[in-house]
Structure formats: C-alpha cells, structure tokens
N, C-alpha and C. Protein backbone atom coordinates (compact mmCIF):
# COMPACT_ATOMS: atom_id res chain seq x y z
N MET A 1 -17.26 -23.69 -10.52
CA MET A 1 -17.76 -22.06 -9.55
C MET A 1 -16.62 -21.23 -9.75
N ARG A 2 -17.53 -19.94 -10.08
CA ARG A 2 -16.76 -18.88 -10.66
C ARG A 2 -16.60 -18.40 -9.21
N THR A 3 -15.43 -17.45 -8.76
CA THR A 3 -15.76 -16.31 -7.85
C THR A 3 -16.42 -14.89 -8.10
N SER A 4 -16.54 -14.16 -7.68
CA SER A 4 -16.71 -12.85 -7.53
C SER A 4 -15.33 -11.52 -7.61
N LYS A 5 -14.35 -12.58 -6.69
CA LYS A 5 -12.98 -12.24 -6.23
C LYS A 5 -12.04 -12.28 -7.52
N PRO A 6 -11.43 -11.19 -8.23
CA PRO A 6 -10.51 -11.68 -9.48
C PRO A 6 -9.35 -12.59 -9.01
N VAL A 7 -8.90 -13.20 -9.72
CA VAL A 7 -7.55 -14.09 -9.12
C VAL A 7 -6.73 -13.60 -10.05
N GLY A 8 -5.66 -13.01 -9.46
CA GLY A 8 -4.23 -13.34 -10.71
C GLY A 8 -3.75 -15.26 -10.90
N THR A 9 -2.82 -15.25 -11.45
CA THR A 9 -2.00 -16.41 -12.08
C THR A 9 -1.03 -16.41 -10.74
N PRO A 10 -0.74 -17.38 -10.00
CA PRO A 10 0.62 -17.59 -8.93
C PRO A 10 1.80 -17.13 -9.78
N PHE A 11 2.64 -15.87 -9.16
CA PHE A 11 4.34 -15.68 -10.06
C PHE A 11 5.03 -15.92 -9.53
N THR A 12 6.20 -16.53 -9.87
CA THR A 12 7.58 -17.36 -9.25
C THR A 12 8.61 -16.61 -9.49
N GLY A 13 8.44 -16.17 -10.70
CA GLY A 13 9.62 -15.16 -11.28
C GLY A 13 10.50 -16.28 -12.60
N GLY A 14 9.98 -17.73 -12.42
CA GLY A 14 10.72 -18.20 -13.16
C GLY A 14 10.68 -17.68 -15.06
N SER A 15 10.14 -16.95 -15.38
CA SER A 15 9.44 -16.25 -16.83
C SER A 15 9.28 -15.02 -16.49
N ASN A 16 9.49 -14.21 -17.34
CA ASN A 16 9.39 -12.61 -17.65
C ASN A 16 8.12 -13.16 -18.59
N GLU A 17 7.50 -14.15 -19.09
CA GLU A 17 6.67 -13.92 -20.08
C GLU A 17 5.23 -13.49 -19.78
N CYS A 18 4.55 -13.29 -20.37
CA CYS A 18 3.21 -12.26 -20.12
C CYS A 18 3.56 -11.21 -19.25
N ILE A 19 4.35 -10.91 -18.71
CA ILE A 19 4.51 -9.35 -18.14
C ILE A 19 5.66 -8.75 -19.15
N ASP A 20 4.92 -7.01 -18.78
CA ASP A 20 6.15 -6.02 -19.46
C ASP A 20 7.85 -6.33 -18.64
N GLN A 21 8.31 -5.57 -18.82
CA GLN A 21 9.92 -5.67 -18.44
C GLN A 21 10.22 -5.00 -17.35
N TRP A 22 9.19 -4.01 -17.37
CA TRP A 22 9.58 -2.93 -16.12
C TRP A 22 8.76 -3.84 -14.75
N SER A 23 8.43 -4.25 -15.12
CA SER A 23 7.10 -5.37 -14.30
C SER A 23 8.13 -6.40 -13.52
N TYR A 24 9.12 -7.05 -14.48
CA TYR A 24 9.84 -8.29 -14.24
C TYR A 24 11.02 -7.44 -13.32
N ASP A 25 11.02 -6.14 -14.09
CA ASP A 25 12.64 -5.49 -12.90
C ASP A 25 12.01 -5.30 -11.72
N ALA A 26 11.09 -4.57 -11.82
CA ALA A 26 10.50 -4.55 -9.93
C ALA A 26 10.03 -5.79 -9.47
N PHE A 27 9.69 -6.63 -9.64
CA PHE A 27 9.55 -8.04 -9.87
C PHE A 27 11.45 -8.20 -9.03
N GLY A 28 12.22 -8.47 -9.51
CA GLY A 28 13.72 -8.35 -9.22
C GLY A 28 14.13 -7.69 -8.20
N ALA A 29 13.94 -6.64 -8.18
CA ALA A 29 14.31 -5.65 -6.86
C ALA A 29 13.29 -6.08 -5.33
N LEU A 30 12.03 -6.25 -6.05
CA LEU A 30 11.40 -6.35 -4.71
C LEU A 30 11.87 -7.81 -4.03
N SER A 31 11.84 -8.57 -5.11
CA SER A 31 11.30 -10.57 -4.82
C SER A 31 12.91 -10.34 -3.15
N GLY A 32 13.99 -9.85 -2.42
CA GLY A 32 14.68 -10.29 -2.00
C GLY A 32 14.00 -9.58 -0.63
N TRP A 33 13.35 -8.54 -0.90
CA TRP A 33 13.05 -7.54 0.81
C TRP A 33 11.93 -9.37 1.92
N ALA A 34 12.78 -9.09 2.34
CA ALA A 34 12.32 -9.79 3.66
C ALA A 34 11.08 -9.73 3.82
N GLU A 35 10.29 -9.11 3.79
CA GLU A 35 8.49 -8.47 3.94
C GLU A 35 7.99 -9.85 2.65
N THR A 36 8.21 -9.73 1.58
CA THR A 36 7.58 -10.49 0.43
C THR A 36 7.99 -11.63 0.66
N LEU A 37 8.35 -12.38 1.45
CA LEU A 37 8.52 -13.64 1.61
C LEU A 37 7.03 -13.67 2.62
N ASN A 38 6.50 -13.61 3.09
CA ASN A 38 5.08 -13.45 3.71
C ASN A 38 3.80 -12.84 2.46
N GLY A 39 4.48 -12.59 1.52
CA GLY A 39 3.39 -12.19 0.70
C GLY A 39 3.44 -13.13 -0.77
N ARG A 40 2.22 -12.66 -1.70
CA ARG A 40 1.82 -13.56 -2.71
C ARG A 40 1.91 -12.67 -4.02
N TRP A 41 3.22 -13.60 -5.15
CA TRP A 41 3.02 -12.62 -6.49
C TRP A 41 1.96 -13.24 -7.46
N THR A 42 1.32 -12.01 -8.17
CA THR A 42 0.54 -12.75 -9.21
C THR A 42 0.86 -11.81 -10.15
N ARG A 43 0.17 -12.95 -11.42
CA ARG A 43 0.57 -12.21 -12.73
C ARG A 43 -0.88 -11.88 -13.24
N TRP A 44 -1.31 -10.92 -13.50
CA TRP A 44 -2.85 -10.55 -14.02
C TRP A 44 -2.68 -10.21 -15.68
N ASP A 45 -3.96 -10.35 -16.19
CA ASP A 45 -3.87 -10.54 -17.91
C ASP A 45 -3.53 -9.35 -18.26
N ASP A 46 -3.32 -7.99 -18.01
CA ASP A 46 -2.99 -6.87 -18.67
C ASP A 46 -1.44 -7.19 -18.59
N GLY A 47 -0.62 -7.79 -18.32
CA GLY A 47 0.75 -7.99 -17.81
C GLY A 47 1.33 -7.50 -16.51
N TYR A 48 0.79 -6.91 -15.89
CA TYR A 48 0.92 -6.46 -14.84
C TYR A 48 1.13 -7.67 -13.17
N LEU A 49 2.11 -7.44 -12.39
CA LEU A 49 2.14 -8.06 -11.44
C LEU A 49 1.77 -7.46 -9.95
N LEU A 50 0.82 -8.54 -9.27
CA LEU A 50 0.63 -7.61 -8.28
C LEU A 50 1.41 -8.68 -6.37
N LEU A 51 1.78 -7.60 -6.20
CA LEU A 51 2.42 -8.08 -4.55
C LEU A 51 1.59 -8.34 -3.22
N GLU A 52 0.74 -8.76 -2.65
CA GLU A 52 0.18 -9.09 -1.60
C GLU A 52 0.77 -9.58 0.19
N ILE A 53 0.65 -8.50 0.59
CA ILE A 53 1.27 -8.92 2.14
C ILE A 53 0.39 -8.85 3.31
N ASP A 54 0.01 -9.66 3.85
CA ASP A 54 -1.35 -9.45 4.69
C ASP A 54 -0.83 -10.65 6.24
N ARG A 55 0.55 -10.68 6.23
CA ARG A 55 0.82 -11.65 7.56
C ARG A 55 2.36 -11.20 7.76
N LEU A 56 3.25 -10.51 8.90
CA LEU A 56 4.21 -10.01 9.26
C LEU A 56 4.57 -10.63 10.43
N GLY A 57 5.93 -12.39 10.41
CA GLY A 57 6.37 -12.75 11.47
C GLY A 57 5.42 -13.78 12.22
N GLY A 58 4.13 -13.78 11.15
CA GLY A 58 3.30 -15.00 11.23
C GLY A 58 1.98 -14.34 12.02
N THR A 59 1.74 -12.98 12.34
CA THR A 59 1.12 -12.53 12.31
C THR A 59 0.14 -11.60 11.59
N ALA A 60 -1.32 -11.61 11.31
CA ALA A 60 -2.39 -10.84 10.71
C ALA A 60 -1.59 -9.23 10.93
N ILE A 61 -2.00 -8.87 9.57
CA ILE A 61 -1.76 -7.23 9.55
C ILE A 61 -2.56 -7.05 8.36
N GLU A 62 -3.43 -5.59 8.28
CA GLU A 62 -4.25 -4.96 7.51
C GLU A 62 -3.33 -5.30 6.28
N PRO A 63 -4.16 -5.46 4.90
CA PRO A 63 -3.02 -5.95 3.60
C PRO A 63 -2.32 -4.67 3.05
N ILE A 64 -0.86 -5.36 2.62
CA ILE A 64 -0.41 -3.92 2.25
C ILE A 64 -0.44 -4.82 0.90
N LEU A 65 -1.07 -3.87 -0.63
CA LEU A 65 -0.83 -4.20 -2.00
C LEU A 65 -0.16 -3.44 -2.48
N ILE A 66 1.10 -4.15 -3.88
CA ILE A 66 1.78 -3.30 -4.56
C ILE A 66 1.68 -3.76 -5.98
N ASP A 67 1.60 -3.17 -7.13
CA ASP A 67 1.20 -3.68 -8.33
C ASP A 67 1.94 -2.61 -9.10
N THR A 68 2.54 -3.02 -10.36
CA THR A 68 3.62 -3.01 -11.38
C THR A 68 2.29 -2.73 -12.42
N ALA A 69 1.26 -2.34 -12.45
CA ALA A 69 1.06 -1.68 -13.64
C ALA A 69 0.98 0.02 -14.13
N ASP A 70 1.46 0.22 -15.11
CA ASP A 70 1.41 1.32 -16.36
C ASP A 70 2.97 1.57 -15.43
N GLU A 71 4.21 0.78 -15.45
CA GLU A 71 5.42 1.34 -15.21
C GLU A 71 5.70 2.49 -14.18
N GLU A 72 4.48 2.14 -13.19
CA GLU A 72 4.80 2.30 -11.42
C GLU A 72 4.43 1.73 -10.83
N LEU A 73 5.23 1.76 -9.73
CA LEU A 73 4.56 0.94 -8.72
C LEU A 73 3.67 1.46 -7.77
N ARG A 74 2.03 0.98 -7.53
CA ARG A 74 1.01 1.54 -6.98
C ARG A 74 1.00 0.80 -5.79
N VAL A 75 1.32 1.96 -4.38
CA VAL A 75 1.63 0.71 -3.02
C VAL A 75 0.39 1.33 -2.54
N GLU A 76 -1.00 0.20 -1.97
CA GLU A 76 -1.42 0.50 -0.67
C GLU A 76 -1.44 -0.17 0.20
N PHE A 77 -2.20 0.88 1.26
CA PHE A 77 -2.03 0.29 3.22
C PHE A 77 -2.66 1.33 3.63
N GLY A 78 -3.90 0.45 4.82
CA GLY A 78 -4.46 1.39 5.52
C GLY A 78 -5.03 2.79 4.97
N TYR A 79 -5.69 2.08 3.92
CA TYR A 79 -6.64 3.32 3.21
C TYR A 79 -5.93 4.67 2.77
N TYR A 80 -5.02 4.19 2.16
CA TYR A 80 -3.87 5.21 1.34
C TYR A 80 -3.12 4.50 -0.57
N GLU A 81 -2.79 5.46 -0.52
CA GLU A 81 -2.05 4.75 -1.61
C GLU A 81 -1.75 5.74 -2.34
N THR A 82 -0.10 5.61 -2.97
CA THR A 82 0.64 6.16 -3.54
C THR A 82 1.23 5.71 -5.08
N ASP A 83 1.49 6.35 -5.85
CA ASP A 83 2.08 5.65 -7.24
C ASP A 83 3.68 6.25 -7.20
N LEU A 84 4.50 5.32 -7.66
CA LEU A 84 5.78 5.32 -7.58
C LEU A 84 6.72 5.38 -8.59
N PRO A 85 7.57 5.71 -8.55
CA PRO A 85 8.26 6.37 -7.85
C PRO A 85 8.17 7.71 -8.02
N GLU A 86 8.33 8.46 -7.44
CA GLU A 86 8.57 10.09 -6.80
C GLU A 86 9.52 10.80 -7.39
N GLU A 87 10.53 10.23 -7.02
CA GLU A 87 12.42 10.44 -7.59
C GLU A 87 13.24 9.57 -8.79
N ALA A 88 12.63 8.13 -8.18
CA ALA A 88 13.88 7.25 -9.12
C ALA A 88 13.36 7.76 -10.48
N ALA A 89 14.43 6.91 -11.39
CA ALA A 89 13.79 6.98 -12.83
C ALA A 89 13.82 5.67 -12.79
N ASP A 90 14.09 4.46 -12.71
CA ASP A 90 13.42 3.18 -12.94
C ASP A 90 12.85 2.43 -12.10
N ALA A 91 12.23 0.89 -12.55
CA ALA A 91 11.77 0.03 -11.61
C ALA A 91 12.81 -0.20 -10.27
N GLN A 92 13.99 -0.13 -9.98
CA GLN A 92 14.39 -0.90 -9.14
C GLN A 92 14.64 0.54 -8.41
N GLY A 93 14.46 1.69 -8.75
CA GLY A 93 14.49 2.77 -7.67
C GLY A 93 13.28 2.70 -7.10
N ALA A 94 12.42 2.64 -8.27
CA ALA A 94 10.39 3.02 -7.38
C ALA A 94 10.77 1.41 -6.56
N ALA A 95 11.12 0.45 -6.99
CA ALA A 95 10.94 -0.85 -5.59
C ALA A 95 12.04 -0.22 -3.48
N GLN A 96 13.13 0.77 -4.35
CA GLN A 96 13.62 1.09 -3.27
C GLN A 96 12.59 2.02 -2.57
N GLU A 97 11.39 2.91 -2.94
CA GLU A 97 11.06 3.74 -2.73
C GLU A 97 9.85 3.50 -1.80
N ALA A 98 9.41 2.02 -2.67
CA ALA A 98 8.03 1.52 -1.97
C ALA A 98 8.64 0.52 -0.85
N ILE A 99 9.70 0.11 -0.10
CA ILE A 99 10.34 -1.07 0.32
C ILE A 99 10.32 0.09 1.79
N LYS A 100 10.72 1.40 1.05
CA LYS A 100 10.91 2.39 2.54
C LYS A 100 9.98 2.85 2.85
N LEU A 101 8.62 3.02 2.29
CA LEU A 101 7.37 3.57 2.82
C LEU A 101 6.65 2.53 3.39
N VAL A 102 6.85 1.63 2.86
CA VAL A 102 5.94 0.47 3.57
C VAL A 102 6.92 -0.02 4.66
N SER A 103 8.11 -0.19 4.93
CA SER A 103 9.00 -0.39 5.92
C SER A 103 8.77 0.39 6.81
N ASP A 104 8.45 1.55 6.90
CA ASP A 104 8.16 2.98 7.78
C ASP A 104 6.57 2.48 8.37
N TRP A 105 5.74 2.07 7.60
CA TRP A 105 4.37 1.80 7.86
C TRP A 105 4.32 0.94 9.18
N LEU A 106 5.11 -0.15 8.35
CA LEU A 106 5.26 -1.58 9.29
C LEU A 106 5.56 -1.26 10.64
N ASN A 107 7.16 -0.88 10.73
CA ASN A 107 7.56 -0.05 12.19
C ASN A 107 7.09 1.36 13.25
N GLY A 108 5.83 1.49 12.61
CA GLY A 108 5.17 2.27 13.10
C GLY A 108 6.18 3.89 13.35
N SER A 109 6.84 4.22 12.12
CA SER A 109 7.37 5.54 11.94
C SER A 109 6.53 6.69 11.08
N ILE A 110 5.19 6.21 10.41
CA ILE A 110 4.24 6.54 9.58
C ILE A 110 3.13 6.05 10.35
N ARG A 111 2.04 6.52 10.44
CA ARG A 111 0.65 5.82 10.18
C ARG A 111 -0.33 6.84 9.51
N THR A 112 -1.03 6.03 8.59
CA THR A 112 -1.88 6.75 7.92
C THR A 112 -3.31 7.39 8.30
N ALA A 113 -3.80 8.51 8.32
CA ALA A 113 -4.89 9.10 8.48
C ALA A 113 -5.81 9.24 7.98
N VAL A 114 -7.38 8.28 8.21
CA VAL A 114 -8.30 8.21 7.66
C VAL A 114 -9.25 8.91 7.83
N PHE A 115 -10.05 10.28 7.32
CA PHE A 115 -10.79 10.89 7.54
C PHE A 115 -12.61 10.76 6.88
N THR A 116 -13.33 10.65 7.73
CA THR A 116 -14.51 10.31 6.96
C THR A 116 -15.59 11.29 8.02
N ASN A 117 -16.74 11.47 7.32
CA ASN A 117 -17.87 12.52 7.29
C ASN A 117 -18.67 11.63 8.70
N ASP A 118 -20.31 11.96 8.64
CA ASP A 118 -20.90 11.99 9.66
C ASP A 118 -21.41 10.57 8.99
N ALA A 119 -21.88 10.39 7.89
CA ALA A 119 -22.45 9.29 6.96
C ALA A 119 -20.93 8.19 6.75
N GLY A 120 -20.04 8.28 7.61
CA GLY A 120 -18.87 7.09 7.41
C GLY A 120 -18.16 7.16 6.32
N HIS A 121 -18.31 8.07 5.03
CA HIS A 121 -17.96 8.12 3.64
C HIS A 121 -16.66 8.72 3.67
N TRP A 122 -15.71 8.32 3.02
CA TRP A 122 -14.22 8.24 3.07
C TRP A 122 -14.45 10.31 2.29
N CYS A 123 -13.00 10.79 2.95
CA CYS A 123 -13.63 11.93 3.01
C CYS A 123 -11.40 12.46 2.59
N GLY A 124 -10.90 11.51 3.36
CA GLY A 124 -9.31 11.93 2.35
C GLY A 124 -8.47 11.24 2.88
N SER A 125 -7.49 10.68 2.67
CA SER A 125 -6.42 10.31 3.24
C SER A 125 -4.88 10.94 3.40
N MET A 126 -4.09 10.73 4.72
CA MET A 126 -2.80 11.49 4.00
C MET A 126 -2.02 10.25 5.16
N ILE A 127 -0.58 10.75 5.14
CA ILE A 127 0.38 10.09 6.02
C ILE A 127 0.34 10.78 7.37
N VAL A 128 0.84 10.81 8.51
CA VAL A 128 1.31 11.09 9.46
C VAL A 128 2.35 10.78 10.05
N GLU A 129 3.54 11.48 10.31
CA GLU A 129 5.15 10.75 10.77
C GLU A 129 4.91 11.24 12.34
N ARG A 130 5.33 9.86 13.14
CA ARG A 130 5.67 9.66 14.31
C ARG A 130 6.14 10.94 14.75
N GLY A 131 5.29 11.56 15.70
CA GLY A 131 5.98 12.52 16.27
C GLY A 131 5.11 14.56 16.05
N GLU A 132 4.35 14.15 14.83
CA GLU A 132 3.47 15.20 14.43
C GLU A 132 2.50 15.38 15.41
N ALA A 133 1.60 16.17 15.39
CA ALA A 133 0.15 16.48 15.94
C ALA A 133 -0.82 15.34 15.75
N VAL A 134 -1.17 15.09 16.81
CA VAL A 134 -2.37 14.20 17.25
C VAL A 134 -3.59 14.79 18.06
N PRO A 135 -4.77 14.78 17.16
CA PRO A 135 -5.05 14.39 16.21
C PRO A 135 -4.65 15.16 14.22
N PRO A 136 -4.41 14.48 13.44
CA PRO A 136 -4.20 15.66 12.72
C PRO A 136 -5.03 16.14 11.71
N ALA A 137 -4.87 17.42 11.39
CA ALA A 137 -5.60 18.44 11.17
C ALA A 137 -6.07 17.72 8.76
N PRO A 138 -7.58 17.90 8.63
CA PRO A 138 -7.56 17.21 7.63
C PRO A 138 -6.73 18.22 6.48
N SER A 139 -6.28 17.78 5.22
CA SER A 139 -5.81 18.99 4.18
C SER A 139 -6.81 20.20 3.82
N GLU A 140 -6.46 20.95 3.31
CA GLU A 140 -8.11 21.79 2.66
C GLU A 140 -8.68 21.02 1.63
N GLY A 141 -8.47 20.55 0.77
CA GLY A 141 -9.03 20.02 -0.35
C GLY A 141 -9.56 18.61 0.64
N MET A 142 -9.51 18.47 1.59
CA MET A 142 -10.92 17.68 2.35
C MET A 142 -11.93 18.12 3.09
N LEU A 143 -11.91 19.67 3.41
CA LEU A 143 -12.51 20.14 4.16
C LEU A 143 -13.97 20.13 3.30
N SER A 144 -14.02 20.27 1.69
CA SER A 144 -15.34 20.42 1.07
C SER A 144 -15.94 19.11 1.86
N PHE A 145 -15.63 18.10 2.15
CA PHE A 145 -16.38 16.87 2.21
C PHE A 145 -16.44 16.60 3.91
N ASN A 146 -16.42 17.56 4.62
CA ASN A 146 -16.83 18.16 6.01
C ASN A 146 -16.84 16.72 6.72
N PRO A 147 -15.12 16.51 6.72
CA PRO A 147 -14.90 15.39 7.79
C PRO A 147 -15.27 15.50 9.34
N THR A 148 -15.56 15.03 9.71
CA THR A 148 -15.95 15.07 11.10
C THR A 148 -15.20 13.57 12.43
N LYS A 149 -14.52 12.95 11.98
CA LYS A 149 -13.35 11.36 12.31
C LYS A 149 -12.56 11.16 11.33
N VAL A 150 -11.62 11.26 12.43
CA VAL A 150 -9.95 10.76 11.95
C VAL A 150 -9.98 9.98 12.64
N GLU A 151 -9.25 8.70 11.59
CA GLU A 151 -8.68 7.02 12.27
C GLU A 151 -7.34 6.99 12.05
N LEU A 152 -6.40 6.96 12.90
CA LEU A 152 -4.55 6.90 13.09
C LEU A 152 -4.96 4.91 12.75
N ARG A 153 -4.41 5.03 11.10
CA ARG A 153 -3.73 3.42 11.50
C ARG A 153 -2.82 2.82 10.88
N GLY A 154 -2.03 1.73 11.76
CA GLY A 154 -1.10 1.40 11.31
C GLY A 154 -1.36 -0.55 11.03
N PRO A 155 -0.37 -1.07 10.83
CA PRO A 155 -0.51 -2.37 9.88
C PRO A 155 -1.50 -3.20 11.10
N HIS A 156 -1.69 -3.11 12.49
CA HIS A 156 -2.32 -4.19 13.31
C HIS A 156 -3.66 -2.79 13.53
N ARG A 157 -4.61 -3.55 13.19
CA ARG A 157 -6.12 -3.00 13.28
C ARG A 157 -6.43 -2.84 15.09
N GLN A 158 -5.85 -3.70 15.78
CA GLN A 158 -6.55 -3.47 17.25
C GLN A 158 -5.67 -1.97 17.88
N LEU A 159 -4.22 -1.54 16.94
CA LEU A 159 -3.94 -0.29 17.75
C LEU A 159 -4.58 0.87 16.56
N TRP A 160 -5.49 0.81 16.02
CA TRP A 160 -6.08 1.98 15.54
C TRP A 160 -6.35 2.80 16.62
N GLU A 161 -6.40 4.07 16.44
CA GLU A 161 -6.82 5.43 16.94
C GLU A 161 -7.98 6.15 16.36
N ALA A 162 -8.77 6.41 16.92
CA ALA A 162 -10.12 7.09 16.43
C ALA A 162 -10.30 8.58 17.27
N TYR A 163 -10.48 9.56 16.73
CA TYR A 163 -10.66 10.83 17.38
C TYR A 163 -11.65 11.95 16.38
N PRO A 164 -12.52 12.78 16.98
CA PRO A 164 -12.92 13.50 16.36
C PRO A 164 -12.30 14.77 15.81
N VAL A 165 -12.81 15.54 14.25
CA VAL A 165 -12.53 16.35 13.90
C VAL A 165 -12.65 17.91 14.24
C-alpha cells in the first residue's frame, strides 16, 4: 500500500553512504544534542538528512524539522523557517546555530509570530524575543497581505496566544 506522505529511510549514522559529506558532518554535530534523542533521523534520495523532533521529555510538541539539503540547515518550527548558517563557515557551526535557535524556542526565550488575514491565509512569520511588545507589529513586507490576526506560538499548542492586528 502506498502512502501519500513521502517517507525517508531511517538513518543511524553507521555510514555516510548515499549522503553528502556536509550532511554527514551536520549529523555528527547534532547527534549528541539531547533533544535529538526524541527525534528521528531519515535519509532522503537526494542525499540529505532530515531530523524530526515532535516530543520533548515524553510530551508532544509542535514539530521541529531540520534538514541538511544544499549544504545548509533549514530549520522549521512554529510556522517559521530559516536557513543556517548565518555566520558559521561549516556544518558544525551551522549545527551550533540551529541548536541555539531551537533551544531558545523550546525554553520560551523566543516565540514565533504568525500573521494571517481575514481569510486565514498566511501573511508572514517572525521571531519575537521574550520581553518584546505583545502583540508584535507586522513587518513592512507583510502589510500588503492585509494581516488581521497574529498568533504567538511556542512548542506547546495549548499556550499559543492570538491577537488582532
């Protein structure tokens, strides 16, 4: 029976066969990270890896996805995504940037602000640091999409907050 959801091959790091060296280096740098113990690594046909984390300490959380495609780490959580490295020169440095970003989201130092319009269509997302004004104002680039609602998101859905824009 076929599934409509693409599925990668489970990856344990025993060999770097069928993945590029940058992905293997990123795997090595991330695999010791405590949160990865709750995650699943898969290898994809294009030669990259995907780390999926959806539990923290046995509790379900909003999914965190980190992939190694194109010699960068694409980090996704809370309807926000970014490509790393921003400053690092290699996979190990990118991994450290990803660990910092995800750890900040998991411990509440940052949240994502997800803007939508009256029809519920996404207008943009941004990071909001603890202590910043709530609700945040949409960025100039989001204004053309007419956002009317912002949702502040963390890893636990029951703690999300919604505000009018």
